[in-house]
Amino acid sequence: DEFPSYGFEEKPSNEEEPLEEEGSNQIFMIEESHMDGSTTDG
């Protein structure tokens, strides 16, 4: 009954990842798939 009044720290939701991490994952995929120095459009 008293539990709701306790000051717990809230755990963030995992629905949205930080944008910085998304960008870093994109860069990693680009560097891995285009080791020859070119892109799909030349």
PDB file of all heavy atoms in Angstrom:
ATOM      1  N   ASP A   1       0.812  -1.205   0.000  1.00  0.00           N
ATOM      2  CA  ASP A   1       0.000   0.000   0.000  1.00  0.00           C
ATOM      3  C   ASP A   1       0.856   1.270   0.000  1.00  0.00           C
ATOM      4  O   ASP A   1       0.497   2.279  -0.620  1.00  0.00           O
ATOM      5  CB  ASP A   1      -0.929   0.020   1.217  1.00  0.00           C
ATOM      6  CG  ASP A   1      -1.993  -1.059   1.133  1.00  0.00           C
ATOM      7  OD1 ASP A   1      -2.220  -1.567   0.016  1.00  0.00           O
ATOM      8  OD2 ASP A   1      -2.583  -1.415   2.177  1.00  0.00           O
ATOM      9  N   GLU A   2       1.982   1.228   0.706  1.00  0.00           N
ATOM     10  CA  GLU A   2       2.864   2.400   0.780  1.00  0.00           C
ATOM     11  C   GLU A   2       3.814   2.499  -0.407  1.00  0.00           C
ATOM     12  O   GLU A   2       4.406   3.541  -0.649  1.00  0.00           O
ATOM     13  CB  GLU A   2       3.693   2.357   2.071  1.00  0.00           C
ATOM     14  CG  GLU A   2       2.895   2.565   3.335  1.00  0.00           C
ATOM     15  CD  GLU A   2       3.793   2.613   4.560  1.00  0.00           C
ATOM     16  OE1 GLU A   2       5.017   2.436   4.396  1.00  0.00           O
ATOM     17  OE2 GLU A   2       3.283   2.824   5.662  1.00  0.00           O
ATOM     18  N   PHE A   3       3.978   1.395  -1.149  1.00  0.00           N
ATOM     19  CA  PHE A   3       5.029   1.305  -2.161  1.00  0.00           C
ATOM     20  C   PHE A   3       4.979   2.420  -3.204  1.00  0.00           C
ATOM     21  O   PHE A   3       6.027   2.930  -3.605  1.00  0.00           O
ATOM     22  CB  PHE A   3       4.946  -0.064  -2.843  1.00  0.00           C
ATOM     23  CG  PHE A   3       6.185  -0.434  -3.614  1.00  0.00           C
ATOM     24  CD1 PHE A   3       7.267  -0.984  -2.961  1.00  0.00           C
ATOM     25  CD2 PHE A   3       6.271  -0.213  -4.974  1.00  0.00           C
ATOM     26  CE1 PHE A   3       8.407  -1.320  -3.666  1.00  0.00           C
ATOM     27  CE2 PHE A   3       7.408  -0.542  -5.675  1.00  0.00           C
ATOM     28  CZ  PHE A   3       8.482  -1.099  -5.011  1.00  0.00           C
ATOM     29  N   PRO A   4       3.773   2.848  -3.680  1.00  0.00           N
ATOM     30  CA  PRO A   4       3.758   3.887  -4.717  1.00  0.00           C
ATOM     31  C   PRO A   4       4.376   5.209  -4.286  1.00  0.00           C
ATOM     32  O   PRO A   4       4.760   6.010  -5.137  1.00  0.00           O
ATOM     33  CB  PRO A   4       2.261   4.053  -5.011  1.00  0.00           C
ATOM     34  CG  PRO A   4       1.653   2.758  -4.625  1.00  0.00           C
ATOM     35  CD  PRO A   4       2.445   2.290  -3.424  1.00  0.00           C
ATOM     36  N   SER A   5       4.500   5.449  -2.980  1.00  0.00           N
ATOM     37  CA  SER A   5       5.046   6.733  -2.524  1.00  0.00           C
ATOM     38  C   SER A   5       6.565   6.721  -2.424  1.00  0.00           C
ATOM     39  O   SER A   5       7.159   7.750  -2.128  1.00  0.00           O
ATOM     40  CB  SER A   5       4.456   7.085  -1.146  1.00  0.00           C
ATOM     41  OG  SER A   5       4.864   6.129  -0.172  1.00  0.00           O
ATOM     42  N   TYR A   6       7.212   5.578  -2.697  1.00  0.00           N
ATOM     43  CA  TYR A   6       8.664   5.506  -2.585  1.00  0.00           C
ATOM     44  C   TYR A   6       9.311   6.148  -3.812  1.00  0.00           C
ATOM     45  O   TYR A   6       8.820   6.027  -4.934  1.00  0.00           O
ATOM     46  CB  TYR A   6       9.134   4.055  -2.452  1.00  0.00           C
ATOM     47  CG  TYR A   6       8.650   3.359  -1.213  1.00  0.00           C
ATOM     48  CD1 TYR A   6       8.802   1.993  -1.037  1.00  0.00           C
ATOM     49  CD2 TYR A   6       8.023   4.072  -0.188  1.00  0.00           C
ATOM     50  CE1 TYR A   6       8.360   1.359   0.117  1.00  0.00           C
ATOM     51  CE2 TYR A   6       7.576   3.453   0.951  1.00  0.00           C
ATOM     52  CZ  TYR A   6       7.742   2.099   1.102  1.00  0.00           C
ATOM     53  OH  TYR A   6       7.301   1.483   2.239  1.00  0.00           O
ATOM     54  N   GLY A   7      10.445   6.816  -3.606  1.00  0.00           N
ATOM     55  CA  GLY A   7      11.069   7.594  -4.681  1.00  0.00           C
ATOM     56  C   GLY A   7      12.025   6.780  -5.520  1.00  0.00           C
ATOM     57  O   GLY A   7      13.234   7.015  -5.489  1.00  0.00           O
ATOM     58  N   PHE A   8      11.539   5.832  -6.304  1.00  0.00           N
ATOM     59  CA  PHE A   8      12.391   5.045  -7.175  1.00  0.00           C
ATOM     60  C   PHE A   8      12.818   5.866  -8.380  1.00  0.00           C
ATOM     61  O   PHE A   8      12.060   6.694  -8.888  1.00  0.00           O
ATOM     62  CB  PHE A   8      11.648   3.795  -7.666  1.00  0.00           C
ATOM     63  CG  PHE A   8      11.625   2.670  -6.674  1.00  0.00           C
ATOM     64  CD1 PHE A   8      10.608   2.572  -5.747  1.00  0.00           C
ATOM     65  CD2 PHE A   8      12.639   1.731  -6.664  1.00  0.00           C
ATOM     66  CE1 PHE A   8      10.589   1.545  -4.830  1.00  0.00           C
ATOM     67  CE2 PHE A   8      12.622   0.701  -5.758  1.00  0.00           C
ATOM     68  CZ  PHE A   8      11.607   0.604  -4.844  1.00  0.00           C
ATOM     69  N   GLU A   9      14.035   5.608  -8.851  1.00  0.00           N
ATOM     70  CA  GLU A   9      14.477   6.213 -10.105  1.00  0.00           C
ATOM     71  C   GLU A   9      13.812   5.475 -11.261  1.00  0.00           C
ATOM     72  O   GLU A   9      13.717   4.253 -11.262  1.00  0.00           O
ATOM     73  CB  GLU A   9      15.999   6.132 -10.254  1.00  0.00           C
ATOM     74  CG  GLU A   9      16.744   6.989  -9.247  1.00  0.00           C
ATOM     75  CD  GLU A   9      18.232   6.954  -9.485  1.00  0.00           C
ATOM     76  OE1 GLU A   9      18.658   6.261 -10.432  1.00  0.00           O
ATOM     77  OE2 GLU A   9      18.961   7.617  -8.749  1.00  0.00           O
ATOM     78  N   GLU A  10      13.358   6.220 -12.230  1.00  0.00           N
ATOM     79  CA  GLU A  10      12.654   5.617 -13.353  1.00  0.00           C
ATOM     80  C   GLU A  10      13.649   5.028 -14.353  1.00  0.00           C
ATOM     81  O   GLU A  10      14.673   5.620 -14.654  1.00  0.00           O
ATOM     82  CB  GLU A  10      11.777   6.670 -14.047  1.00  0.00           C
ATOM     83  CG  GLU A  10      10.654   7.181 -13.171  1.00  0.00           C
ATOM     84  CD  GLU A  10       9.716   6.063 -12.770  1.00  0.00           C
ATOM     85  OE1 GLU A  10       9.553   5.120 -13.566  1.00  0.00           O
ATOM     86  OE2 GLU A  10       9.161   6.119 -11.666  1.00  0.00           O
ATOM     87  N   LYS A  11      13.287   3.850 -14.859  1.00  0.00           N
ATOM     88  CA  LYS A  11      14.115   3.205 -15.875  1.00  0.00           C
ATOM     89  C   LYS A  11      13.677   3.676 -17.258  1.00  0.00           C
ATOM     90  O   LYS A  11      12.491   3.555 -17.604  1.00  0.00           O
ATOM     91  CB  LYS A  11      13.963   1.688 -15.774  1.00  0.00           C
ATOM     92  CG  LYS A  11      14.863   0.938 -16.734  1.00  0.00           C
ATOM     93  CD  LYS A  11      14.692  -0.551 -16.542  1.00  0.00           C
ATOM     94  CE  LYS A  11      15.592  -1.325 -17.497  1.00  0.00           C
ATOM     95  NZ  LYS A  11      15.448  -2.777 -17.334  1.00  0.00           N
ATOM     96  N   PRO A  12      14.568   4.243 -18.065  1.00  0.00           N
ATOM     97  CA  PRO A  12      14.158   4.769 -19.376  1.00  0.00           C
ATOM     98  C   PRO A  12      13.596   3.670 -20.264  1.00  0.00           C
ATOM     99  O   PRO A  12      13.984   2.508 -20.173  1.00  0.00           O
ATOM    100  CB  PRO A  12      15.458   5.356 -19.945  1.00  0.00           C
ATOM    101  CG  PRO A  12      16.365   5.508 -18.777  1.00  0.00           C
ATOM    102  CD  PRO A  12      15.977   4.444 -17.810  1.00  0.00           C
ATOM    103  N   SER A  13      12.677   4.060 -21.135  1.00  0.00           N
ATOM    104  CA  SER A  13      12.103   3.116 -22.089  1.00  0.00           C
ATOM    105  C   SER A  13      13.108   2.832 -23.205  1.00  0.00           C
ATOM    106  O   SER A  13      13.898   3.679 -23.595  1.00  0.00           O
ATOM    107  CB  SER A  13      10.820   3.702 -22.671  1.00  0.00           C
ATOM    108  OG  SER A  13      10.339   2.864 -23.701  1.00  0.00           O
ATOM    109  N   ASN A  14      13.042   1.598 -23.749  1.00  0.00           N
ATOM    110  CA  ASN A  14      13.979   1.209 -24.800  1.00  0.00           C
ATOM    111  C   ASN A  14      13.361   1.336 -26.194  1.00  0.00           C
ATOM    112  O   ASN A  14      13.895   0.813 -27.163  1.00  0.00           O
ATOM    113  CB  ASN A  14      14.437  -0.239 -24.593  1.00  0.00           C
ATOM    114  CG  ASN A  14      15.288  -0.373 -23.355  1.00  0.00           C
ATOM    115  OD1 ASN A  14      16.046   0.528 -23.027  1.00  0.00           O
ATOM    116  ND2 ASN A  14      15.145  -1.497 -22.652  1.00  0.00           N
ATOM    117  N   GLU A  15      12.204   2.011 -26.300  1.00  0.00           N
ATOM    118  CA  GLU A  15      11.555   2.104 -27.589  1.00  0.00           C
ATOM    119  C   GLU A  15      12.359   2.952 -28.570  1.00  0.00           C
ATOM    120  O   GLU A  15      12.321   2.739 -29.763  1.00  0.00           O
ATOM    121  CB  GLU A  15      10.160   2.703 -27.425  1.00  0.00           C
ATOM    122  CG  GLU A  15       9.209   1.772 -26.673  1.00  0.00           C
ATOM    123  CD  GLU A  15       7.817   2.364 -26.597  1.00  0.00           C
ATOM    124  OE1 GLU A  15       7.599   3.398 -27.256  1.00  0.00           O
ATOM    125  OE2 GLU A  15       6.968   1.789 -25.898  1.00  0.00           O
ATOM    126  N   GLU A  16      13.068   3.952 -28.071  1.00  0.00           N
ATOM    127  CA  GLU A  16      13.824   4.836 -28.960  1.00  0.00           C
ATOM    128  C   GLU A  16      15.285   4.836 -28.562  1.00  0.00           C
ATOM    129  O   GLU A  16      15.634   5.167 -27.433  1.00  0.00           O
ATOM    130  CB  GLU A  16      13.280   6.259 -28.892  1.00  0.00           C
ATOM    131  CG  GLU A  16      14.048   7.215 -29.778  1.00  0.00           C
ATOM    132  CD  GLU A  16      13.479   8.615 -29.670  1.00  0.00           C
ATOM    133  OE1 GLU A  16      12.268   8.764 -29.888  1.00  0.00           O
ATOM    134  OE2 GLU A  16      14.248   9.536 -29.373  1.00  0.00           O
ATOM    135  N   GLU A  17      16.151   4.419 -29.456  1.00  0.00           N
ATOM    136  CA  GLU A  17      17.581   4.424 -29.198  1.00  0.00           C
ATOM    137  C   GLU A  17      18.125   5.826 -29.427  1.00  0.00           C
ATOM    138  O   GLU A  17      17.573   6.595 -30.233  1.00  0.00           O
ATOM    139  CB  GLU A  17      18.294   3.448 -30.131  1.00  0.00           C
ATOM    140  CG  GLU A  17      17.881   2.001 -29.926  1.00  0.00           C
ATOM    141  CD  GLU A  17      18.355   1.488 -28.587  1.00  0.00           C
ATOM    142  OE1 GLU A  17      19.334   2.041 -28.054  1.00  0.00           O
ATOM    143  OE2 GLU A  17      17.736   0.546 -28.064  1.00  0.00           O
ATOM    144  N   PRO A  18      19.195   6.218 -28.758  1.00  0.00           N
ATOM    145  CA  PRO A  18      19.790   7.543 -29.006  1.00  0.00           C
ATOM    146  C   PRO A  18      20.189   7.696 -30.466  1.00  0.00           C
ATOM    147  O   PRO A  18      20.678   6.762 -31.095  1.00  0.00           O
ATOM    148  CB  PRO A  18      21.002   7.562 -28.073  1.00  0.00           C
ATOM    149  CG  PRO A  18      20.681   6.548 -27.024  1.00  0.00           C
ATOM    150  CD  PRO A  18      19.854   5.508 -27.686  1.00  0.00           C
ATOM    151  N   LEU A  19      19.969   8.902 -30.983  1.00  0.00           N
ATOM    152  CA  LEU A  19      20.254   9.141 -32.390  1.00  0.00           C
ATOM    153  C   LEU A  19      21.731   8.989 -32.700  1.00  0.00           C
ATOM    154  O   LEU A  19      22.101   8.582 -33.783  1.00  0.00           O
ATOM    155  CB  LEU A  19      19.776  10.550 -32.777  1.00  0.00           C
ATOM    156  CG  LEU A  19      18.250  10.749 -32.708  1.00  0.00           C
ATOM    157  CD1 LEU A  19      17.926  12.213 -33.012  1.00  0.00           C
ATOM    158  CD2 LEU A  19      17.543   9.842 -33.710  1.00  0.00           C
ATOM    159  N   GLU A  20      22.606   9.332 -31.722  1.00  0.00           N
ATOM    160  CA  GLU A  20      24.039   9.212 -31.967  1.00  0.00           C
ATOM    161  C   GLU A  20      24.410   7.765 -32.264  1.00  0.00           C
ATOM    162  O   GLU A  20      25.232   7.477 -33.107  1.00  0.00           O
ATOM    163  CB  GLU A  20      24.826   9.731 -30.774  1.00  0.00           C
ATOM    164  CG  GLU A  20      24.746  11.225 -30.555  1.00  0.00           C
ATOM    165  CD  GLU A  20      23.464  11.619 -29.852  1.00  0.00           C
ATOM    166  OE1 GLU A  20      22.677  10.713 -29.512  1.00  0.00           O
ATOM    167  OE2 GLU A  20      23.236  12.829 -29.648  1.00  0.00           O
ATOM    168  N   GLU A  21      23.763   6.813 -31.524  1.00  0.00           N
ATOM    169  CA  GLU A  21      24.092   5.410 -31.744  1.00  0.00           C
ATOM    170  C   GLU A  21      23.628   4.956 -33.120  1.00  0.00           C
ATOM    171  O   GLU A  21      24.270   4.170 -33.794  1.00  0.00           O
ATOM    172  CB  GLU A  21      23.462   4.562 -30.651  1.00  0.00           C
ATOM    173  CG  GLU A  21      24.060   4.818 -29.292  1.00  0.00           C
ATOM    174  CD  GLU A  21      23.461   3.867 -28.268  1.00  0.00           C
ATOM    175  OE1 GLU A  21      22.724   2.955 -28.660  1.00  0.00           O
ATOM    176  OE2 GLU A  21      23.764   4.062 -27.080  1.00  0.00           O
ATOM    177  N   GLU A  22      22.416   5.450 -33.565  1.00  0.00           N
ATOM    178  CA  GLU A  22      21.941   5.088 -34.886  1.00  0.00           C
ATOM    179  C   GLU A  22      22.931   5.545 -35.953  1.00  0.00           C
ATOM    180  O   GLU A  22      23.273   4.815 -36.867  1.00  0.00           O
ATOM    181  CB  GLU A  22      20.574   5.734 -35.120  1.00  0.00           C
ATOM    182  CG  GLU A  22      19.478   5.136 -34.245  1.00  0.00           C
ATOM    183  CD  GLU A  22      18.144   5.803 -34.501  1.00  0.00           C
ATOM    184  OE1 GLU A  22      18.104   6.692 -35.384  1.00  0.00           O
ATOM    185  OE2 GLU A  22      17.166   5.449 -33.826  1.00  0.00           O
ATOM    186  N   GLY A  23      23.415   6.792 -35.805  1.00  0.00           N
ATOM    187  CA  GLY A  23      24.360   7.312 -36.783  1.00  0.00           C
ATOM    188  C   GLY A  23      25.651   6.526 -36.804  1.00  0.00           C
ATOM    189  O   GLY A  23      26.200   6.231 -37.850  1.00  0.00           O
ATOM    190  N   SER A  24      26.145   6.180 -35.621  1.00  0.00           N
ATOM    191  CA  SER A  24      27.409   5.442 -35.564  1.00  0.00           C
ATOM    192  C   SER A  24      27.252   4.066 -36.188  1.00  0.00           C
ATOM    193  O   SER A  24      28.164   3.562 -36.826  1.00  0.00           O
ATOM    194  CB  SER A  24      27.872   5.330 -34.106  1.00  0.00           C
ATOM    195  OG  SER A  24      26.914   4.622 -33.350  1.00  0.00           O
ATOM    196  N   ASN A  25      26.052   3.428 -36.011  1.00  0.00           N
ATOM    197  CA  ASN A  25      25.834   2.128 -36.634  1.00  0.00           C
ATOM    198  C   ASN A  25      25.798   2.249 -38.148  1.00  0.00           C
ATOM    199  O   ASN A  25      26.311   1.388 -38.878  1.00  0.00           O
ATOM    200  CB  ASN A  25      24.516   1.535 -36.141  1.00  0.00           C
ATOM    201  CG  ASN A  25      24.609   1.096 -34.691  1.00  0.00           C
ATOM    202  OD1 ASN A  25      25.707   0.886 -34.204  1.00  0.00           O
ATOM    203  ND2 ASN A  25      23.466   0.968 -34.028  1.00  0.00           N
ATOM    204  N   GLN A  26      25.197   3.344 -38.677  1.00  0.00           N
ATOM    205  CA  GLN A  26      25.176   3.551 -40.118  1.00  0.00           C
ATOM    206  C   GLN A  26      26.577   3.717 -40.672  1.00  0.00           C
ATOM    207  O   GLN A  26      26.925   3.134 -41.690  1.00  0.00           O
ATOM    208  CB  GLN A  26      24.337   4.785 -40.450  1.00  0.00           C
ATOM    209  CG  GLN A  26      22.838   4.596 -40.146  1.00  0.00           C
ATOM    210  CD  GLN A  26      22.075   5.871 -40.304  1.00  0.00           C
ATOM    211  OE1 GLN A  26      22.668   6.914 -40.600  1.00  0.00           O
ATOM    212  NE2 GLN A  26      20.768   5.810 -40.103  1.00  0.00           N
ATOM    213  N   ILE A  27      27.404   4.498 -40.006  1.00  0.00           N
ATOM    214  CA  ILE A  27      28.783   4.708 -40.462  1.00  0.00           C
ATOM    215  C   ILE A  27      29.543   3.388 -40.466  1.00  0.00           C
ATOM    216  O   ILE A  27      30.275   3.077 -41.392  1.00  0.00           O
ATOM    217  CB  ILE A  27      29.486   5.736 -39.572  1.00  0.00           C
ATOM    218  CG1 ILE A  27      28.847   7.108 -39.781  1.00  0.00           C
ATOM    219  CG2 ILE A  27      30.974   5.799 -39.872  1.00  0.00           C
ATOM    220  CD1 ILE A  27      29.384   8.177 -38.862  1.00  0.00           C
ATOM    221  N   PHE A  28      29.320   2.577 -39.399  1.00  0.00           N
ATOM    222  CA  PHE A  28      30.024   1.297 -39.323  1.00  0.00           C
ATOM    223  C   PHE A  28      29.624   0.406 -40.493  1.00  0.00           C
ATOM    224  O   PHE A  28      30.471  -0.240 -41.120  1.00  0.00           O
ATOM    225  CB  PHE A  28      29.693   0.620 -38.002  1.00  0.00           C
ATOM    226  CG  PHE A  28      30.275  -0.770 -37.895  1.00  0.00           C
ATOM    227  CD1 PHE A  28      31.628  -0.947 -37.654  1.00  0.00           C
ATOM    228  CD2 PHE A  28      29.479  -1.881 -38.071  1.00  0.00           C
ATOM    229  CE1 PHE A  28      32.166  -2.215 -37.560  1.00  0.00           C
ATOM    230  CE2 PHE A  28      30.015  -3.148 -37.984  1.00  0.00           C
ATOM    231  CZ  PHE A  28      31.351  -3.322 -37.729  1.00  0.00           C
ATOM    232  N   MET A  29      28.345   0.358 -40.835  1.00  0.00           N
ATOM    233  CA  MET A  29      27.879  -0.473 -41.933  1.00  0.00           C
ATOM    234  C   MET A  29      28.440   0.027 -43.257  1.00  0.00           C
ATOM    235  O   MET A  29      28.801  -0.765 -44.137  1.00  0.00           O
ATOM    236  CB  MET A  29      26.352  -0.480 -41.978  1.00  0.00           C
ATOM    237  CG  MET A  29      25.711  -1.164 -40.772  1.00  0.00           C
ATOM    238  SD  MET A  29      23.930  -0.986 -40.751  1.00  0.00           S
ATOM    239  CE  MET A  29      23.535  -1.834 -42.276  1.00  0.00           C
ATOM    240  N   ILE A  30      28.538   1.352 -43.416  1.00  0.00           N
ATOM    241  CA  ILE A  30      29.063   1.907 -44.666  1.00  0.00           C
ATOM    242  C   ILE A  30      30.516   1.521 -44.830  1.00  0.00           C
ATOM    243  O   ILE A  30      30.944   1.059 -45.888  1.00  0.00           O
ATOM    244  CB  ILE A  30      28.908   3.434 -44.669  1.00  0.00           C
ATOM    245  CG1 ILE A  30      27.411   3.799 -44.704  1.00  0.00           C
ATOM    246  CG2 ILE A  30      29.627   4.061 -45.860  1.00  0.00           C
ATOM    247  CD1 ILE A  30      27.156   5.250 -44.396  1.00  0.00           C
ATOM    248  N   GLU A  31      31.307   1.698 -43.737  1.00  0.00           N
ATOM    249  CA  GLU A  31      32.729   1.409 -43.826  1.00  0.00           C
ATOM    250  C   GLU A  31      32.965  -0.065 -44.077  1.00  0.00           C
ATOM    251  O   GLU A  31      33.907  -0.458 -44.746  1.00  0.00           O
ATOM    252  CB  GLU A  31      33.426   1.856 -42.545  1.00  0.00           C
ATOM    253  CG  GLU A  31      33.458   3.362 -42.380  1.00  0.00           C
ATOM    254  CD  GLU A  31      34.080   3.760 -41.070  1.00  0.00           C
ATOM    255  OE1 GLU A  31      34.297   2.867 -40.242  1.00  0.00           O
ATOM    256  OE2 GLU A  31      34.336   4.962 -40.880  1.00  0.00           O
ATOM    257  N   GLU A  32      32.085  -0.926 -43.546  1.00  0.00           N
ATOM    258  CA  GLU A  32      32.296  -2.359 -43.698  1.00  0.00           C
ATOM    259  C   GLU A  32      31.931  -2.839 -45.093  1.00  0.00           C
ATOM    260  O   GLU A  32      32.560  -3.740 -45.647  1.00  0.00           O
ATOM    261  CB  GLU A  32      31.452  -3.094 -42.651  1.00  0.00           C
ATOM    262  CG  GLU A  32      31.729  -4.574 -42.626  1.00  0.00           C
ATOM    263  CD  GLU A  32      30.902  -5.264 -41.567  1.00  0.00           C
ATOM    264  OE1 GLU A  32      29.713  -4.910 -41.433  1.00  0.00           O
ATOM    265  OE2 GLU A  32      31.443  -6.132 -40.891  1.00  0.00           O
ATOM    266  N   SER A  33      30.891  -2.232 -45.692  1.00  0.00           N
ATOM    267  CA  SER A  33      30.406  -2.726 -46.978  1.00  0.00           C
ATOM    268  C   SER A  33      31.086  -2.058 -48.177  1.00  0.00           C
ATOM    269  O   SER A  33      30.893  -2.472 -49.313  1.00  0.00           O
ATOM    270  CB  SER A  33      28.893  -2.506 -47.076  1.00  0.00           C
ATOM    271  OG  SER A  33      28.591  -1.140 -46.922  1.00  0.00           O
ATOM    272  N   HIS A  34      31.830  -0.970 -47.924  1.00  0.00           N
ATOM    273  CA  HIS A  34      32.471  -0.257 -49.033  1.00  0.00           C
ATOM    274  C   HIS A  34      33.950  -0.087 -48.750  1.00  0.00           C
ATOM    275  O   HIS A  34      34.465   1.004 -48.664  1.00  0.00           O
ATOM    276  CB  HIS A  34      31.830   1.112 -49.246  1.00  0.00           C
ATOM    277  CG  HIS A  34      30.344   1.018 -49.518  1.00  0.00           C
ATOM    278  ND1 HIS A  34      29.842   0.563 -50.707  1.00  0.00           N
ATOM    279  CD2 HIS A  34      29.281   1.312 -48.728  1.00  0.00           C
ATOM    280  CE1 HIS A  34      28.509   0.579 -50.660  1.00  0.00           C
ATOM    281  NE2 HIS A  34      28.152   1.026 -49.459  1.00  0.00           N
ATOM    282  N   MET A  35      34.593  -1.200 -48.579  1.00  0.00           N
ATOM    283  CA  MET A  35      36.031  -1.146 -48.310  1.00  0.00           C
ATOM    284  C   MET A  35      36.813  -0.721 -49.542  1.00  0.00           C
ATOM    285  O   MET A  35      37.972  -0.344 -49.450  1.00  0.00           O
ATOM    286  CB  MET A  35      36.532  -2.514 -47.851  1.00  0.00           C
ATOM    287  CG  MET A  35      35.913  -2.967 -46.531  1.00  0.00           C
ATOM    288  SD  MET A  35      36.404  -1.909 -45.171  1.00  0.00           S
ATOM    289  CE  MET A  35      38.131  -2.330 -45.064  1.00  0.00           C
ATOM    290  N   ASP A  36      36.200  -0.785 -50.720  1.00  0.00           N
ATOM    291  CA  ASP A  36      36.932  -0.441 -51.929  1.00  0.00           C
ATOM    292  C   ASP A  36      36.926   1.048 -52.214  1.00  0.00           C
ATOM    293  O   ASP A  36      37.445   1.515 -53.217  1.00  0.00           O
ATOM    294  CB  ASP A  36      36.343  -1.184 -53.139  1.00  0.00           C
ATOM    295  CG  ASP A  36      34.865  -0.870 -53.306  1.00  0.00           C
ATOM    296  OD1 ASP A  36      34.297  -0.230 -52.383  1.00  0.00           O
ATOM    297  OD2 ASP A  36      34.297  -1.269 -54.337  1.00  0.00           O
ATOM    298  N   GLY A  37      36.269   1.847 -51.333  1.00  0.00           N
ATOM    299  CA  GLY A  37      36.300   3.295 -51.482  1.00  0.00           C
ATOM    300  C   GLY A  37      35.225   3.852 -52.390  1.00  0.00           C
ATOM    301  O   GLY A  37      35.278   5.015 -52.758  1.00  0.00           O
ATOM    302  N   SER A  38      34.263   3.013 -52.818  1.00  0.00           N
ATOM    303  CA  SER A  38      33.195   3.502 -53.692  1.00  0.00           C
ATOM    304  C   SER A  38      31.846   3.219 -53.083  1.00  0.00           C
ATOM    305  O   SER A  38      31.717   2.405 -52.174  1.00  0.00           O
ATOM    306  CB  SER A  38      33.300   2.837 -55.065  1.00  0.00           C
ATOM    307  OG  SER A  38      33.109   1.428 -54.932  1.00  0.00           O
ATOM    308  N   THR A  39      30.776   3.860 -53.592  1.00  0.00           N
ATOM    309  CA  THR A  39      29.414   3.646 -53.130  1.00  0.00           C
ATOM    310  C   THR A  39      28.622   2.959 -54.207  1.00  0.00           C
ATOM    311  O   THR A  39      29.111   2.712 -55.317  1.00  0.00           O
ATOM    312  CB  THR A  39      28.771   4.989 -52.785  1.00  0.00           C
ATOM    313  OG1 THR A  39      28.715   5.782 -53.959  1.00  0.00           O
ATOM    314  CG2 THR A  39      29.550   5.710 -51.703  1.00  0.00           C
ATOM    315  N   THR A  40      27.371   2.629 -53.921  1.00  0.00           N
ATOM    316  CA  THR A  40      26.531   1.913 -54.886  1.00  0.00           C
ATOM    317  C   THR A  40      26.235   2.736 -56.128  1.00  0.00           C
ATOM    318  O   THR A  40      26.018   2.191 -57.210  1.00  0.00           O
ATOM    319  CB  THR A  40      25.202   1.522 -54.234  1.00  0.00           C
ATOM    320  OG1 THR A  40      24.600   2.698 -53.700  1.00  0.00           O
ATOM    321  CG2 THR A  40      25.451   0.522 -53.119  1.00  0.00           C
ATOM    322  N   ASP A  41      26.232   4.068 -55.999  1.00  0.00           N
ATOM    323  CA  ASP A  41      25.943   4.904 -57.170  1.00  0.00           C
ATOM    324  C   ASP A  41      27.201   5.381 -57.873  1.00  0.00           C
ATOM    325  O   ASP A  41      27.171   6.258 -58.728  1.00  0.00           O
ATOM    326  CB  ASP A  41      25.087   6.110 -56.778  1.00  0.00           C
ATOM    327  CG  ASP A  41      25.768   6.956 -55.724  1.00  0.00           C
ATOM    328  OD1 ASP A  41      26.878   6.562 -55.285  1.00  0.00           O
ATOM    329  OD2 ASP A  41      25.193   7.998 -55.322  1.00  0.00           O
ATOM    330  N   GLY A  42      28.381   4.823 -57.483  1.00  0.00           N
ATOM    331  CA  GLY A  42      29.614   5.170 -58.148  1.00  0.00           C
ATOM    332  C   GLY A  42      30.344   6.338 -57.568  1.00  0.00           C
ATOM    333  O   GLY A  42      31.466   6.621 -57.971  1.00  0.00           O
TER     334      GLY A  42
END
